[in-house]
Protein backbone atom coordinates (compact mmCIF):
# COMPACT_ATOMS: atom_id res chain seq x y z
CA MET A 1 82.13 77.91 74.59
CA PRO A 2 78.89 77.45 72.98
CA GLU A 3 77.50 75.24 75.74
CA MET A 4 78.00 78.37 78.24
CA PHE A 5 77.29 81.68 76.30
CA GLU A 6 74.92 82.29 73.27
CA GLU A 7 76.79 83.30 69.80
CA SER A 8 75.57 86.98 68.95
CA LYS A 9 73.86 87.49 71.87
CA HIS A 10 76.72 87.16 74.59
CA LEU A 11 79.36 87.01 72.20
CA VAL A 12 80.63 87.00 68.23
CA SER A 13 82.88 84.16 67.13
CA TRP A 14 84.14 84.10 63.42
CA ARG A 15 85.05 80.88 61.56
CA ASP A 16 87.99 82.06 59.51
CA LYS A 17 89.92 85.53 58.50
CA GLU A 18 86.99 86.50 55.63
CA ASN A 19 84.38 85.79 57.65
CA LEU A 20 86.12 87.66 60.78
CA LEU A 21 86.79 90.85 58.49
CA GLU A 22 82.60 90.51 57.92
CA LYS A 23 81.67 90.32 61.35
CA ILE A 24 84.79 93.60 62.64
CA ARG A 25 82.96 95.42 59.97
CA TYR A 26 79.39 94.86 60.57
CA TYR A 27 79.79 95.56 64.11
CA LEU A 28 82.11 99.22 63.64
CA GLU A 29 79.11 100.02 61.42
CA ASN A 30 76.06 99.01 64.15
CA LYS A 31 77.65 100.44 67.11
CA GLU A 32 73.99 99.83 69.06
CA GLU A 33 73.94 95.83 68.42
CA ARG A 34 77.76 95.89 68.93
CA GLU A 35 77.12 97.59 72.51
CA GLU A 36 74.26 95.48 73.24
CA VAL A 37 76.47 92.30 72.83
CA ALA A 38 78.69 93.22 74.99
CA LEU A 39 76.26 94.50 77.34
CA GLN A 40 74.30 90.65 77.39
CA GLY A 41 77.80 89.12 77.53
CA MET A 42 79.18 91.08 80.50
CA ASP A 43 75.78 90.87 82.53
CA PHE A 44 75.60 87.27 81.26
CA ALA A 45 79.40 86.37 82.92
CA LEU A 46 78.95 88.03 85.99
CA GLU A 47 75.60 86.33 86.54
CA HIS A 48 76.69 82.90 85.94
CA HIS A 49 80.63 82.46 85.14
CA THR A 50 82.74 84.46 88.04
CA TYR A 51 85.41 82.66 90.12
CA LEU A 52 83.38 82.52 92.97
CA HIS A 53 80.66 80.49 90.71
CA ARG A 54 83.64 78.34 89.59
CA ALA A 55 84.95 78.37 93.27
CA LYS A 56 81.38 76.78 94.65
CA GLU A 57 81.60 74.38 91.57
CA VAL A 58 85.13 73.22 92.69
CA LEU A 59 84.28 72.93 96.65
CA LYS A 60 80.79 70.98 95.23
CA LYS A 61 83.45 68.32 93.69
CA VAL A 62 85.39 68.01 96.31
CA LYS A 63 83.14 68.00 99.11
CA ASN A 64 82.51 64.47 98.45
CA VAL A 65 86.08 63.39 97.88
CA LYS A 66 87.51 61.04 100.34
CA MET A 67 90.81 61.88 100.56
CA HIS A 68 93.83 60.17 102.09
CA PRO A 69 96.80 61.72 103.31
CA ALA A 70 99.58 59.09 101.72
CA ASP A 71 97.74 59.88 98.50
CA PHE A 72 96.62 63.40 98.30
CA LYS A 73 98.00 66.77 99.92
CA PHE A 74 94.93 69.28 97.99
CA GLY A 75 92.63 69.77 100.79
CA VAL A 76 94.90 68.68 103.58
CA MET A 77 97.67 71.67 105.44
CA TYR A 78 100.40 69.98 106.90
CA ASP A 79 103.11 71.23 109.14
CA LYS A 80 107.22 71.74 108.76
CA ASP A 81 106.86 67.91 110.34
CA GLY A 82 104.83 66.52 107.63
CA GLU A 83 101.60 66.23 110.64
CA ILE A 84 98.47 67.11 108.91
CA THR A 85 97.28 70.39 110.97
CA LEU A 86 93.68 70.41 109.15
CA SER A 87 91.38 68.16 107.85
CA ALA A 88 89.74 67.88 104.66
CA ASP A 89 86.94 68.74 106.47
CA GLU A 90 88.07 72.04 108.16
CA TYR A 91 90.10 72.79 105.07
CA TYR A 92 86.64 72.93 102.82
CA GLU A 93 84.34 74.44 106.30
CA ALA A 94 87.51 77.14 105.91
CA VAL A 95 87.24 77.86 102.28
CA SER A 96 83.49 77.53 102.25
CA GLN A 97 83.48 80.61 105.27
CA MET A 98 86.06 82.75 103.08
CA ILE A 99 83.55 82.20 99.97
CA ARG A 100 79.95 83.21 101.85
CA GLU A 101 81.44 86.08 103.84
């Protein structure tokens, strides 16, 4: 996760068992620093890495995908007879509207 979070600012990781124990001892003795890392990590995650952020990224990618009903069922709604009831564009707009709400 180095590309997503900054070590010792948003989270604390470890290399091995000894390093883990060392960091546990350190952060148990340094409550303010431990709480600051936790708060910074939570704030950063809520600002950049929520399900809403992921959904928006997926929608950006899906919007540009050309789908054919014979090849893909993702993004297209079918009725019980296998007939398309909602196109990919309609699906995209419906999902986008839900995200905006």
